[in-house]
PDB file of N, CA and C in Angstrom:
ATOM      1  N   UNK A   1      40.267 -32.116 181.117  1.00  0.00           N
ATOM      2  CA  UNK A   1      41.403 -31.913 180.044  1.00  0.00           C
ATOM      3  C   UNK A   1      42.667 -31.654 180.237  1.00  0.00           C
ATOM      4  N   UNK A   2      43.641 -31.595 179.616  1.00  0.00           N
ATOM      5  CA  UNK A   2      44.887 -31.612 179.997  1.00  0.00           C
ATOM      6  C   UNK A   2      45.064 -29.879 179.630  1.00  0.00           C
ATOM      7  N   UNK A   3      46.595 -29.593 180.271  1.00  0.00           N
ATOM      8  CA  UNK A   3      46.808 -28.007 180.243  1.00  0.00           C
ATOM      9  C   UNK A   3      46.988 -27.610 178.791  1.00  0.00           C
ATOM     10  N   UNK A   4      46.793 -26.402 178.548  1.00  0.00           N
ATOM     11  CA  UNK A   4      46.955 -25.975 176.700  1.00  0.00           C
ATOM     12  C   UNK A   4      48.554 -25.914 176.665  1.00  0.00           C
ATOM     13  N   UNK A   5      48.831 -26.289 175.634  1.00  0.00           N
ATOM     14  CA  UNK A   5      50.387 -26.412 175.428  1.00  0.00           C
ATOM     15  C   UNK A   5      51.052 -24.976 175.354  1.00  0.00           C
ATOM     16  N   UNK A   6      52.181 -24.859 175.558  1.00  0.00           N
ATOM     17  CA  UNK A   6      52.808 -23.380 175.558  1.00  0.00           C
ATOM     18  C   UNK A   6      53.817 -23.261 174.339  1.00  0.00           C
ATOM     19  N   UNK A   7      53.433 -24.235 173.126  1.00  0.00           N
ATOM     20  CA  UNK A   7      54.103 -23.947 172.036  1.00  0.00           C
ATOM     21  C   UNK A   7      53.559 -22.614 171.078  1.00  0.00           C
ATOM     22  N   UNK A   8      54.461 -22.168 170.351  1.00  0.00           N
ATOM     23  CA  UNK A   8      54.023 -20.773 169.512  1.00  0.00           C
ATOM     24  C   UNK A   8      52.718 -21.156 168.931  1.00  0.00           C
ATOM     25  N   UNK A   9      52.255 -19.926 168.790  1.00  0.00           N
ATOM     26  CA  UNK A   9      50.668 -20.206 168.232  1.00  0.00           C
ATOM     27  C   UNK A   9      50.720 -19.348 166.663  1.00  0.00           C
ATOM     28  N   UNK A  10      51.920 -19.287 165.815  1.00  0.00           N
ATOM     29  CA  UNK A  10      52.078 -18.549 164.826  1.00  0.00           C
ATOM     30  C   UNK A  10      52.477 -19.611 163.718  1.00  0.00           C
ATOM     31  N   UNK A  11      52.090 -19.410 162.452  1.00  0.00           N
ATOM     32  CA  UNK A  11      52.939 -20.392 161.700  1.00  0.00           C
ATOM     33  C   UNK A  11      54.118 -20.338 161.357  1.00  0.00           C
ATOM     34  N   UNK A  12      54.840 -21.981 161.255  1.00  0.00           N
ATOM     35  CA  UNK A  12      56.002 -21.961 160.994  1.00  0.00           C
ATOM     36  C   UNK A  12      56.680 -21.578 159.690  1.00  0.00           C
ATOM     37  N   UNK A  13      55.480 -21.481 158.703  1.00  0.00           N
ATOM     38  CA  UNK A  13      55.641 -21.574 157.257  1.00  0.00           C
ATOM     39  C   UNK A  13      54.413 -21.027 156.703  1.00  0.00           C
ATOM     40  N   UNK A  14      54.413 -20.339 155.486  1.00  0.00           N
ATOM     41  CA  UNK A  14      53.133 -19.923 154.893  1.00  0.00           C
ATOM     42  C   UNK A  14      52.518 -21.515 154.510  1.00  0.00           C
ATOM     43  N   UNK A  15      51.052 -21.133 154.192  1.00  0.00           N
ATOM     44  CA  UNK A  15      50.272 -22.508 153.908  1.00  0.00           C
ATOM     45  C   UNK A  15      51.097 -22.768 152.112  1.00  0.00           C
ATOM     46  N   UNK A  16      51.261 -23.723 152.033  1.00  0.00           N
ATOM     47  CA  UNK A  16      52.194 -24.190 150.394  1.00  0.00           C
ATOM     48  C   UNK A  16      50.747 -24.327 149.808  1.00  0.00           C
ATOM     49  N   UNK A  17      51.103 -24.428 148.466  1.00  0.00           N
ATOM     50  CA  UNK A  17      50.160 -24.743 147.444  1.00  0.00           C
ATOM     51  C   UNK A  17      49.734 -26.247 147.377  1.00  0.00           C
ATOM     52  N   UNK A  18      48.725 -26.706 147.112  1.00  0.00           N
ATOM     53  CA  UNK A  18      48.470 -28.202 147.019  1.00  0.00           C
ATOM     54  C   UNK A  18      49.002 -28.872 145.800  1.00  0.00           C
ATOM     55  N   UNK A  19      50.077 -29.074 146.013  1.00  0.00           N
ATOM     56  CA  UNK A  19      51.074 -29.807 144.814  1.00  0.00           C
ATOM     57  C   UNK A  19      51.935 -30.566 145.371  1.00  0.00           C
ATOM     58  N   UNK A  20      52.105 -31.953 145.226  1.00  0.00           N
ATOM     59  CA  UNK A  20      53.147 -33.041 145.477  1.00  0.00           C
ATOM     60  C   UNK A  20      54.689 -32.120 146.233  1.00  0.00           C
ATOM     61  N   UNK A  21      55.081 -31.391 145.011  1.00  0.00           N
ATOM     62  CA  UNK A  21      56.240 -30.796 145.444  1.00  0.00           C
ATOM     63  C   UNK A  21      55.911 -29.842 146.317  1.00  0.00           C
ATOM     64  N   UNK A  22      55.251 -28.783 146.520  1.00  0.00           N
ATOM     65  CA  UNK A  22      54.906 -27.787 147.751  1.00  0.00           C
ATOM     66  C   UNK A  22      54.781 -28.643 148.764  1.00  0.00           C
ATOM     67  N   UNK A  23      53.919 -29.800 148.981  1.00  0.00           N
ATOM     68  CA  UNK A  23      53.612 -30.314 150.107  1.00  0.00           C
ATOM     69  C   UNK A  23      54.616 -31.096 150.805  1.00  0.00           C
ATOM     70  N   UNK A  24      55.841 -31.620 149.947  1.00  0.00           N
ATOM     71  CA  UNK A  24      56.766 -32.056 150.266  1.00  0.00           C
ATOM     72  C   UNK A  24      57.672 -31.365 150.794  1.00  0.00           C
ATOM     73  N   UNK A  25      57.984 -30.313 150.121  1.00  0.00           N
ATOM     74  CA  UNK A  25      59.022 -29.406 150.869  1.00  0.00           C
ATOM     75  C   UNK A  25      58.399 -28.725 152.397  1.00  0.00           C
ATOM     76  N   UNK A  26      57.119 -28.779 152.387  1.00  0.00           N
ATOM     77  CA  UNK A  26      56.634 -28.071 153.643  1.00  0.00           C
ATOM     78  C   UNK A  26      56.860 -29.443 154.609  1.00  0.00           C
ATOM     79  N   UNK A  27      56.467 -30.479 154.540  1.00  0.00           N
ATOM     80  CA  UNK A  27      56.518 -31.658 155.281  1.00  0.00           C
ATOM     81  C   UNK A  27      58.083 -31.936 155.809  1.00  0.00           C
ATOM     82  N   UNK A  28      59.094 -31.537 154.582  1.00  0.00           N
ATOM     83  CA  UNK A  28      60.461 -31.689 154.911  1.00  0.00           C
ATOM     84  C   UNK A  28      60.940 -30.412 155.848  1.00  0.00           C
ATOM     85  N   UNK A  29      60.186 -29.435 155.982  1.00  0.00           N
ATOM     86  CA  UNK A  29      60.581 -28.434 156.655  1.00  0.00           C
ATOM     87  C   UNK A  29      60.066 -28.694 158.143  1.00  0.00           C
ATOM     88  N   UNK A  30      58.329 -29.181 158.171  1.00  0.00           N
ATOM     89  CA  UNK A  30      57.642 -28.834 159.545  1.00  0.00           C
ATOM     90  C   UNK A  30      57.477 -30.077 160.424  1.00  0.00           C
ATOM     91  N   UNK A  31      57.875 -31.036 159.410  1.00  0.00           N
ATOM     92  CA  UNK A  31      57.777 -32.465 160.299  1.00  0.00           C
ATOM     93  C   UNK A  31      58.476 -33.544 159.270  1.00  0.00           C
ATOM     94  N   UNK A  32      60.049 -33.281 159.420  1.00  0.00           N
ATOM     95  CA  UNK A  32      60.543 -34.353 158.518  1.00  0.00           C
ATOM     96  C   UNK A  32      60.886 -35.727 158.830  1.00  0.00           C
ATOM     97  N   UNK A  33      60.311 -36.318 159.907  1.00  0.00           N
ATOM     98  CA  UNK A  33      60.309 -37.253 160.109  1.00  0.00           C
ATOM     99  C   UNK A  33      58.731 -38.000 159.672  1.00  0.00           C
ATOM    100  N   UNK A  34      58.101 -37.297 159.080  1.00  0.00           N
ATOM    101  CA  UNK A  34      56.752 -37.993 158.333  1.00  0.00           C
ATOM    102  C   UNK A  34      57.192 -37.832 156.793  1.00  0.00           C
ATOM    103  N   UNK A  35      58.269 -37.151 156.508  1.00  0.00           N
ATOM    104  CA  UNK A  35      58.731 -37.466 155.034  1.00  0.00           C
ATOM    105  C   UNK A  35      58.721 -38.768 154.244  1.00  0.00           C
ATOM    106  N   UNK A  36      59.079 -39.743 155.040  1.00  0.00           N
ATOM    107  CA  UNK A  36      59.000 -41.202 154.374  1.00  0.00           C
ATOM    108  C   UNK A  36      57.687 -41.637 154.330  1.00  0.00           C
ATOM    109  N   UNK A  37      56.448 -41.229 155.281  1.00  0.00           N
ATOM    110  CA  UNK A  37      55.238 -41.530 155.004  1.00  0.00           C
ATOM    111  C   UNK A  37      54.399 -40.828 153.746  1.00  0.00           C
ATOM    112  N   UNK A  38      55.163 -39.405 153.428  1.00  0.00           N
ATOM    113  CA  UNK A  38      54.575 -38.861 152.552  1.00  0.00           C
ATOM    114  C   UNK A  38      55.077 -39.672 151.395  1.00  0.00           C
ATOM    115  N   UNK A  39      56.277 -39.605 151.100  1.00  0.00           N
ATOM    116  CA  UNK A  39      56.687 -40.451 149.944  1.00  0.00           C
ATOM    117  C   UNK A  39      56.319 -41.709 149.319  1.00  0.00           C
ATOM    118  N   UNK A  40      55.892 -42.531 150.461  1.00  0.00           N
ATOM    119  CA  UNK A  40      55.326 -43.897 150.410  1.00  0.00           C
ATOM    120  C   UNK A  40      53.863 -44.047 150.075  1.00  0.00           C
ATOM    121  N   UNK A  41      53.397 -42.847 150.625  1.00  0.00           N
ATOM    122  CA  UNK A  41      51.746 -42.304 150.350  1.00  0.00           C
ATOM    123  C   UNK A  41      51.512 -41.835 149.070  1.00  0.00           C
ATOM    124  N   UNK A  42      52.744 -40.953 148.461  1.00  0.00           N
ATOM    125  CA  UNK A  42      52.423 -40.557 147.082  1.00  0.00           C
ATOM    126  C   UNK A  42      52.752 -41.600 145.989  1.00  0.00           C
ATOM    127  N   UNK A  43      53.930 -42.294 146.562  1.00  0.00           N
ATOM    128  CA  UNK A  43      53.952 -43.638 145.393  1.00  0.00           C
ATOM    129  C   UNK A  43      52.489 -44.425 145.068  1.00  0.00           C
ATOM    130  N   UNK A  44      52.158 -44.771 146.504  1.00  0.00           N
ATOM    131  CA  UNK A  44      50.882 -45.705 146.514  1.00  0.00           C
ATOM    132  C   UNK A  44      49.739 -45.126 145.610  1.00  0.00           C
ATOM    133  N   UNK A  45      49.364 -43.722 146.084  1.00  0.00           N
ATOM    134  CA  UNK A  45      48.250 -43.199 145.088  1.00  0.00           C
ATOM    135  C   UNK A  45      48.603 -42.662 143.686  1.00  0.00           C
ATOM    136  N   UNK A  46      49.740 -42.513 143.140  1.00  0.00           N
ATOM    137  CA  UNK A  46      50.366 -42.813 142.138  1.00  0.00           C
ATOM    138  C   UNK A  46      49.776 -43.964 141.182  1.00  0.00           C
ATOM    139  N   UNK A  47      50.334 -44.933 141.965  1.00  0.00           N
ATOM    140  CA  UNK A  47      50.160 -46.379 141.423  1.00  0.00           C
ATOM    141  C   UNK A  47      48.784 -46.408 140.936  1.00  0.00           C
ATOM    142  N   UNK A  48      47.674 -46.181 142.124  1.00  0.00           N
ATOM    143  CA  UNK A  48      46.620 -46.428 142.174  1.00  0.00           C
ATOM    144  C   UNK A  48      45.951 -45.483 141.060  1.00  0.00           C
ATOM    145  N   UNK A  49      46.114 -44.395 140.928  1.00  0.00           N
ATOM    146  CA  UNK A  49      45.621 -43.370 140.152  1.00  0.00           C
ATOM    147  C   UNK A  49      45.557 -43.948 138.514  1.00  0.00           C
ATOM    148  N   UNK A  50      47.005 -44.598 138.357  1.00  0.00           N
ATOM    149  CA  UNK A  50      47.229 -45.176 137.087  1.00  0.00           C
ATOM    150  C   UNK A  50      46.357 -46.237 137.264  1.00  0.00           C
ATOM    151  N   UNK A  51      46.428 -47.182 137.850  1.00  0.00           N
ATOM    152  CA  UNK A  51      45.486 -48.414 137.548  1.00  0.00           C
ATOM    153  C   UNK A  51      44.128 -48.333 137.227  1.00  0.00           C
ATOM    154  N   UNK A  52      43.534 -47.197 138.231  1.00  0.00           N
ATOM    155  CA  UNK A  52      42.032 -46.661 138.011  1.00  0.00           C
ATOM    156  C   UNK A  52      41.828 -45.928 136.802  1.00  0.00           C
ATOM    157  N   UNK A  53      43.005 -45.156 136.115  1.00  0.00           N
ATOM    158  CA  UNK A  53      42.566 -44.029 135.225  1.00  0.00           C
ATOM    159  C   UNK A  53      41.838 -42.920 136.000  1.00  0.00           C
ATOM    160  N   UNK A  54      42.241 -42.807 137.320  1.00  0.00           N
ATOM    161  CA  UNK A  54      41.446 -41.613 137.625  1.00  0.00           C
ATOM    162  C   UNK A  54      42.416 -40.645 138.552  1.00  0.00           C
ATOM    163  N   UNK A  55      42.139 -39.397 138.771  1.00  0.00           N
ATOM    164  CA  UNK A  55      42.951 -38.457 139.327  1.00  0.00           C
ATOM    165  C   UNK A  55      42.385 -38.636 140.881  1.00  0.00           C
ATOM    166  N   UNK A  56      41.209 -39.111 141.351  1.00  0.00           N
ATOM    167  CA  UNK A  56      40.749 -39.199 142.629  1.00  0.00           C
ATOM    168  C   UNK A  56      41.612 -39.511 143.928  1.00  0.00           C
ATOM    169  N   UNK A  57      42.320 -40.642 143.499  1.00  0.00           N
ATOM    170  CA  UNK A  57      43.078 -40.684 144.617  1.00  0.00           C
ATOM    171  C   UNK A  57      44.339 -39.525 144.671  1.00  0.00           C
ATOM    172  N   UNK A  58      44.804 -39.007 143.821  1.00  0.00           N
ATOM    173  CA  UNK A  58      45.828 -37.852 143.962  1.00  0.00           C
ATOM    174  C   UNK A  58      45.345 -36.715 144.581  1.00  0.00           C
ATOM    175  N   UNK A  59      43.529 -36.533 144.331  1.00  0.00           N
ATOM    176  CA  UNK A  59      43.022 -35.595 145.046  1.00  0.00           C
ATOM    177  C   UNK A  59      42.780 -35.587 146.628  1.00  0.00           C
ATOM    178  N   UNK A  60      42.377 -36.982 146.828  1.00  0.00           N
ATOM    179  CA  UNK A  60      42.628 -37.170 148.288  1.00  0.00           C
ATOM    180  C   UNK A  60      44.014 -37.227 148.830  1.00  0.00           C
ATOM    181  N   UNK A  61      44.846 -37.371 148.111  1.00  0.00           N
ATOM    182  CA  UNK A  61      46.268 -37.504 148.887  1.00  0.00           C
ATOM    183  C   UNK A  61      46.738 -35.823 149.046  1.00  0.00           C
ATOM    184  N   UNK A  62      46.529 -35.136 148.179  1.00  0.00           N
ATOM    185  CA  UNK A  62      46.525 -33.641 148.300  1.00  0.00           C
ATOM    186  C   UNK A  62      46.170 -33.068 149.622  1.00  0.00           C
ATOM    187  N   UNK A  63      44.771 -33.464 149.765  1.00  0.00           N
ATOM    188  CA  UNK A  63      44.017 -32.781 150.552  1.00  0.00           C
ATOM    189  C   UNK A  63      44.291 -33.645 151.988  1.00  0.00           C
ATOM    190  N   UNK A  64      44.409 -34.644 152.161  1.00  0.00           N
ATOM    191  CA  UNK A  64      44.910 -35.349 153.472  1.00  0.00           C
ATOM    192  C   UNK A  64      46.269 -34.690 154.023  1.00  0.00           C
ATOM    193  N   UNK A  65      47.118 -34.371 153.007  1.00  0.00           N
ATOM    194  CA  UNK A  65      48.428 -34.074 153.466  1.00  0.00           C
ATOM    195  C   UNK A  65      48.601 -32.339 153.472  1.00  0.00           C
ATOM    196  N   UNK A  66      47.617 -31.712 152.673  1.00  0.00           N
ATOM    197  CA  UNK A  66      47.348 -30.173 153.022  1.00  0.00           C
ATOM    198  C   UNK A  66      46.845 -30.050 154.526  1.00  0.00           C
ATOM    199  N   UNK A  67      45.860 -30.922 155.078  1.00  0.00           N
ATOM    200  CA  UNK A  67      45.272 -30.671 156.266  1.00  0.00           C
ATOM    201  C   UNK A  67      46.451 -30.918 157.196  1.00  0.00           C
ATOM    202  N   UNK A  68      47.194 -31.821 156.772  1.00  0.00           N
ATOM    203  CA  UNK A  68      48.371 -32.152 157.737  1.00  0.00           C
ATOM    204  C   UNK A  68      49.609 -30.970 157.893  1.00  0.00           C
ATOM    205  N   UNK A  69      49.966 -30.219 157.108  1.00  0.00           N
ATOM    206  CA  UNK A  69      50.610 -29.246 156.970  1.00  0.00           C
ATOM    207  C   UNK A  69      49.786 -28.157 157.500  1.00  0.00           C
ATOM    208  N   UNK A  70      48.562 -27.923 157.164  1.00  0.00           N
ATOM    209  CA  UNK A  70      47.655 -26.722 158.049  1.00  0.00           C
ATOM    210  C   UNK A  70      47.679 -27.291 159.587  1.00  0.00           C
ATOM    211  N   UNK A  71      47.900 -28.095 160.092  1.00  0.00           N
ATOM    212  CA  UNK A  71      47.926 -28.429 161.431  1.00  0.00           C
ATOM    213  C   UNK A  71      49.286 -28.082 161.861  1.00  0.00           C
ATOM    214  N   UNK A  72      50.360 -28.842 161.386  1.00  0.00           N
ATOM    215  CA  UNK A  72      51.513 -29.070 161.782  1.00  0.00           C
ATOM    216  C   UNK A  72      52.237 -27.610 161.606  1.00  0.00           C
ATOM    217  N   UNK A  73      51.955 -26.813 160.783  1.00  0.00           N
ATOM    218  CA  UNK A  73      52.569 -25.255 160.634  1.00  0.00           C
ATOM    219  C   UNK A  73      52.470 -24.497 161.750  1.00  0.00           C
ATOM    220  N   UNK A  74      51.258 -24.667 162.597  1.00  0.00           N
ATOM    221  CA  UNK A  74      51.220 -23.987 164.074  1.00  0.00           C
ATOM    222  C   UNK A  74      51.444 -25.039 165.143  1.00  0.00           C
ATOM    223  N   UNK A  75      52.694 -24.848 165.473  1.00  0.00           N
ATOM    224  CA  UNK A  75      52.874 -25.590 166.752  1.00  0.00           C
ATOM    225  C   UNK A  75      52.067 -25.705 168.037  1.00  0.00           C
ATOM    226  N   UNK A  76      51.516 -24.888 168.524  1.00  0.00           N
ATOM    227  CA  UNK A  76      50.368 -25.305 169.323  1.00  0.00           C
ATOM    228  C   UNK A  76      49.202 -25.944 169.038  1.00  0.00           C
ATOM    229  N   UNK A  77      49.042 -25.524 167.549  1.00  0.00           N
ATOM    230  CA  UNK A  77      47.908 -26.358 167.189  1.00  0.00           C
ATOM    231  C   UNK A  77      47.913 -27.892 167.035  1.00  0.00           C
ATOM    232  N   UNK A  78      49.144 -28.118 166.711  1.00  0.00           N
ATOM    233  CA  UNK A  78      49.627 -29.570 166.739  1.00  0.00           C
ATOM    234  C   UNK A  78      49.926 -30.037 167.855  1.00  0.00           C
ATOM    235  N   UNK A  79      50.397 -29.371 168.690  1.00  0.00           N
ATOM    236  CA  UNK A  79      50.659 -30.029 170.007  1.00  0.00           C
ATOM    237  C   UNK A  79      49.076 -30.435 170.766  1.00  0.00           C
ATOM    238  N   UNK A  80      48.134 -29.251 170.785  1.00  0.00           N
ATOM    239  CA  UNK A  80      46.806 -29.634 171.248  1.00  0.00           C
ATOM    240  C   UNK A  80      46.147 -30.742 170.315  1.00  0.00           C
ATOM    241  N   UNK A  81      46.076 -31.268 169.057  1.00  0.00           N
ATOM    242  CA  UNK A  81      45.815 -32.152 168.795  1.00  0.00           C
ATOM    243  C   UNK A  81      46.431 -33.682 169.038  1.00  0.00           C
ATOM    244  N   UNK A  82      47.541 -33.387 169.440  1.00  0.00           N
ATOM    245  CA  UNK A  82      48.193 -34.446 169.846  1.00  0.00           C
ATOM    246  C   UNK A  82      47.732 -35.010 171.379  1.00  0.00           C
ATOM    247  N   UNK A  83      47.414 -34.045 172.161  1.00  0.00           N
ATOM    248  CA  UNK A  83      46.870 -34.069 173.444  1.00  0.00           C
ATOM    249  C   UNK A  83      45.595 -34.630 173.514  1.00  0.00           C
ATOM    250  N   UNK A  84      44.621 -34.151 172.522  1.00  0.00           N
ATOM    251  CA  UNK A  84      43.615 -34.461 172.348  1.00  0.00           C
ATOM    252  C   UNK A  84      43.351 -35.809 171.979  1.00  0.00           C
ATOM    253  N   UNK A  85      44.072 -36.405 171.024  1.00  0.00           N
ATOM    254  CA  UNK A  85      44.255 -37.838 170.574  1.00  0.00           C
ATOM    255  C   UNK A  85      44.423 -38.652 171.995  1.00  0.00           C
ATOM    256  N   UNK A  86      45.566 -38.249 172.465  1.00  0.00           N
ATOM    257  CA  UNK A  86      45.673 -38.911 174.162  1.00  0.00           C
ATOM    258  C   UNK A  86      44.686 -39.133 174.679  1.00  0.00           C
ATOM    259  N   UNK A  87      43.831 -38.046 174.819  1.00  0.00           N
ATOM    260  CA  UNK A  87      42.683 -37.962 175.927  1.00  0.00           C
ATOM    261  C   UNK A  87      41.812 -38.910 175.051  1.00  0.00           C
ATOM    262  N   UNK A  88      41.512 -38.712 173.997  1.00  0.00           N
ATOM    263  CA  UNK A  88      40.625 -39.769 173.417  1.00  0.00           C
ATOM    264  C   UNK A  88      40.872 -40.965 173.830  1.00  0.00           C
ATOM    265  N   UNK A  89      42.065 -41.294 173.218  1.00  0.00           N
ATOM    266  CA  UNK A  89      42.494 -42.761 173.378  1.00  0.00           C
ATOM    267  C   UNK A  89      42.378 -43.300 174.858  1.00  0.00           C
ATOM    268  N   UNK A  90      42.754 -42.517 175.791  1.00  0.00           N
ATOM    269  CA  UNK A  90      42.592 -42.896 177.445  1.00  0.00           C
ATOM    270  C   UNK A  90      41.075 -42.683 177.966  1.00  0.00           C
ATOM    271  N   UNK A  91      40.291 -42.052 177.322  1.00  0.00           N
ATOM    272  CA  UNK A  91      38.630 -41.637 177.977  1.00  0.00           C
ATOM    273  C   UNK A  91      38.227 -42.915 178.212  1.00  0.00           C
ATOM    274  N   UNK A  92      37.691 -42.482 179.573  1.00  0.00           N
ATOM    275  CA  UNK A  92      36.632 -43.746 180.336  1.00  0.00           C
ATOM    276  C   UNK A  92      35.422 -43.799 180.357  1.00  0.00           C
ATOM    277  N   UNK A  93      35.055 -42.208 179.640  1.00  0.00           N
ATOM    278  CA  UNK A  93      33.689 -42.081 179.690  1.00  0.00           C
ATOM    279  C   UNK A  93      33.388 -41.270 178.311  1.00  0.00           C
ATOM    280  N   UNK A  94      31.840 -41.416 178.182  1.00  0.00           N
ATOM    281  CA  UNK A  94      31.276 -40.812 176.646  1.00  0.00           C
ATOM    282  C   UNK A  94      31.563 -39.281 176.864  1.00  0.00           C
ATOM    283  N   UNK A  95      31.339 -38.572 177.681  1.00  0.00           N
ATOM    284  CA  UNK A  95      31.565 -37.024 177.933  1.00  0.00           C
ATOM    285  C   UNK A  95      33.073 -36.629 177.513  1.00  0.00           C
ATOM    286  N   UNK A  96      33.951 -37.379 178.085  1.00  0.00           N
ATOM    287  CA  UNK A  96      35.496 -36.905 177.937  1.00  0.00           C
ATOM    288  C   UNK A  96      35.718 -37.097 176.203  1.00  0.00           C
ATOM    289  N   UNK A  97      35.219 -38.562 176.081  1.00  0.00           N
ATOM    290  CA  UNK A  97      35.285 -38.887 174.514  1.00  0.00           C
ATOM    291  C   UNK A  97      35.015 -37.784 173.765  1.00  0.00           C
ATOM    292  N   UNK A  98      33.588 -37.464 173.782  1.00  0.00           N
ATOM    293  CA  UNK A  98      32.945 -36.816 172.752  1.00  0.00           C
ATOM    294  C   UNK A  98      33.199 -35.179 172.925  1.00  0.00           C
ATOM    295  N   UNK A  99      33.989 -34.882 174.054  1.00  0.00           N
ATOM    296  CA  UNK A  99      34.544 -33.368 174.308  1.00  0.00           C
ATOM    297  C   UNK A  99      36.148 -33.591 173.380  1.00  0.00           C
ATOM    298  N   UNK A 100      36.580 -34.422 173.538  1.00  0.00           N
ATOM    299  CA  UNK A 100      37.838 -34.713 172.873  1.00  0.00           C
ATOM    300  C   UNK A 100      37.686 -34.461 171.244  1.00  0.00           C
ATOM    301  N   UNK A 101      36.604 -35.274 170.992  1.00  0.00           N
ATOM    302  CA  UNK A 101      36.505 -35.211 169.745  1.00  0.00           C
ATOM    303  C   UNK A 101      35.965 -34.410 168.918  1.00  0.00           C
ATOM    304  N   UNK A 102      34.870 -33.389 169.684  1.00  0.00           N
ATOM    305  CA  UNK A 102      34.370 -32.057 169.233  1.00  0.00           C
ATOM    306  C   UNK A 102      35.583 -31.311 169.053  1.00  0.00           C
ATOM    307  N   UNK A 103      36.696 -31.166 169.737  1.00  0.00           N
ATOM    308  CA  UNK A 103      37.674 -29.960 169.581  1.00  0.00           C
ATOM    309  C   UNK A 103      38.613 -30.685 168.371  1.00  0.00           C
ATOM    310  N   UNK A 104      38.937 -31.917 168.632  1.00  0.00           N
ATOM    311  CA  UNK A 104      39.813 -32.568 167.337  1.00  0.00           C
ATOM    312  C   UNK A 104      39.046 -32.111 166.050  1.00  0.00           C
ATOM    313  N   UNK A 105      37.584 -32.105 165.715  1.00  0.00           N
ATOM    314  CA  UNK A 105      37.255 -31.683 164.831  1.00  0.00           C
ATOM    315  C   UNK A 105      36.801 -30.456 164.491  1.00  0.00           C
ATOM    316  N   UNK A 106      37.017 -29.558 165.528  1.00  0.00           N
ATOM    317  CA  UNK A 106      37.155 -28.253 165.091  1.00  0.00           C
ATOM    318  C   UNK A 106      38.778 -27.803 164.501  1.00  0.00           C
ATOM    319  N   UNK A 107      39.397 -28.688 165.443  1.00  0.00           N
ATOM    320  CA  UNK A 107      41.064 -28.157 164.435  1.00  0.00           C
ATOM    321  C   UNK A 107      41.183 -28.660 163.394  1.00  0.00           C
ATOM    322  N   UNK A 108      40.483 -29.685 162.686  1.00  0.00           N
ATOM    323  CA  UNK A 108      40.544 -30.339 161.487  1.00  0.00           C
ATOM    324  C   UNK A 108      39.700 -29.694 160.178  1.00  0.00           C
ATOM    325  N   UNK A 109      38.497 -29.072 161.229  1.00  0.00           N
ATOM    326  CA  UNK A 109      37.876 -28.059 160.161  1.00  0.00           C
ATOM    327  C   UNK A 109      38.558 -26.876 159.813  1.00  0.00           C
ATOM    328  N   UNK A 110      39.251 -26.128 160.677  1.00  0.00           N
ATOM    329  CA  UNK A 110      39.956 -24.833 160.506  1.00  0.00           C
ATOM    330  C   UNK A 110      40.780 -25.544 159.254  1.00  0.00           C
ATOM    331  N   UNK A 111      41.597 -26.437 159.676  1.00  0.00           N
ATOM    332  CA  UNK A 111      42.855 -26.758 158.512  1.00  0.00           C
ATOM    333  C   UNK A 111      42.170 -26.864 157.400  1.00  0.00           C
ATOM    334  N   UNK A 112      41.068 -27.663 156.933  1.00  0.00           N
ATOM    335  CA  UNK A 112      40.245 -27.836 155.870  1.00  0.00           C
ATOM    336  C   UNK A 112      39.989 -26.421 155.296  1.00  0.00           C
ATOM    337  N   UNK A 113      39.394 -25.526 156.156  1.00  0.00           N
ATOM    338  CA  UNK A 113      39.039 -24.114 155.524  1.00  0.00           C
ATOM    339  C   UNK A 113      40.432 -23.437 155.215  1.00  0.00           C
ATOM    340  N   UNK A 114      41.344 -23.584 155.774  1.00  0.00           N
ATOM    341  CA  UNK A 114      42.812 -22.989 155.221  1.00  0.00           C
ATOM    342  C   UNK A 114      43.192 -23.467 154.003  1.00  0.00           C
ATOM    343  N   UNK A 115      43.135 -25.131 153.772  1.00  0.00           N
ATOM    344  CA  UNK A 115      43.656 -25.441 152.763  1.00  0.00           C
ATOM    345  C   UNK A 115      42.334 -25.215 151.329  1.00  0.00           C
ATOM    346  N   UNK A 116      41.389 -24.827 151.520  1.00  0.00           N
ATOM    347  CA  UNK A 116      40.421 -24.445 150.735  1.00  0.00           C
ATOM    348  C   UNK A 116      40.231 -22.983 150.446  1.00  0.00           C
ATOM    349  N   UNK A 117      40.881 -22.362 150.940  1.00  0.00           N
ATOM    350  CA  UNK A 117      41.074 -20.514 150.732  1.00  0.00           C
ATOM    351  C   UNK A 117      41.728 -20.294 149.789  1.00  0.00           C
TER     352      UNK A 117
END
């Protein structure tokens, strides 16, 4: 595996509420390059929710971007996830892939617990 990141392991911002406005502000602050993706995704799910007469797409959107923010607000956590994604993409044996995926799952599980709290 790769060496642990030297990025700080404290949150850059508090965990925002799971609302479009709060998540948009958080993304703009901690990952501004992702803001166009956020807005495009929000536009798509609003349209989908209206077409399907259900809020399910909006709920999925809020959870997906809440998880993103929960990870990205910790620079060390975000850096480690990027390292693991590279390891998984470049893995040439099952054990390396399994190990990277297991640690990635731990990071995303932690993020999900944070947004559920």
